[in-house]
Amino acid sequence: MWTAPEVTLPVAVMPLAVCPHRASVS
């Protein structure tokens, strides 16, 4: 897997931004 910060950060933040969004829709 990639270990570059510029790649790891967005990948780690994506689920965080999707979780609340899905909870809001539900």
C-alpha atoms as a PDB file:
ATOM      1  CA  MET A   1       0.000   0.000   0.000  1.00  0.00           C
ATOM      2  CA  TRP A   2       0.983   3.651  -0.296  1.00  0.00           C
ATOM      3  CA  THR A   3       2.579   5.294   2.691  1.00  0.00           C
ATOM      4  CA  ALA A   4       2.747   8.800   1.256  1.00  0.00           C
ATOM      5  CA  PRO A   5       1.049  11.334   3.586  1.00  0.00           C
ATOM      6  CA  GLU A   6      -0.652  13.064   0.656  1.00  0.00           C
ATOM      7  CA  VAL A   7      -2.258   9.724  -0.223  1.00  0.00           C
ATOM      8  CA  THR A   8      -2.870   8.307   3.251  1.00  0.00           C
ATOM      9  CA  LEU A   9      -4.539  11.425   4.607  1.00  0.00           C
ATOM     10  CA  PRO A  10      -7.353  11.679   2.014  1.00  0.00           C
ATOM     11  CA  VAL A  11      -7.956   7.924   2.212  1.00  0.00           C
ATOM     12  CA  ALA A  12      -8.243   8.083   6.005  1.00  0.00           C
ATOM     13  CA  VAL A  13     -10.494  11.172   5.942  1.00  0.00           C
ATOM     14  CA  MET A  14     -12.821   9.893   3.206  1.00  0.00           C
ATOM     15  CA  PRO A  15     -14.650   7.323   5.413  1.00  0.00           C
ATOM     16  CA  LEU A  16     -14.907   9.961   8.141  1.00  0.00           C
ATOM     17  CA  ALA A  17     -16.676  12.355   5.772  1.00  0.00           C
ATOM     18  CA  VAL A  18     -18.911   9.606   4.374  1.00  0.00           C
ATOM     19  CA  CYS A  19     -19.978   8.180   7.740  1.00  0.00           C
ATOM     20  CA  PRO A  20     -21.823  11.325   8.970  1.00  0.00           C
ATOM     21  CA  HIS A  21     -23.182  11.919   5.471  1.00  0.00           C
ATOM     22  CA  ARG A  22     -24.730   8.440   5.358  1.00  0.00           C
ATOM     23  CA  ALA A  23     -26.088   8.817   8.881  1.00  0.00           C
ATOM     24  CA  SER A  24     -27.695  12.104   7.832  1.00  0.00           C
ATOM     25  CA  VAL A  25     -29.317  10.498   4.793  1.00  0.00           C
ATOM     26  CA  SER A  26     -30.529   7.566   6.863  1.00  0.00           C
END
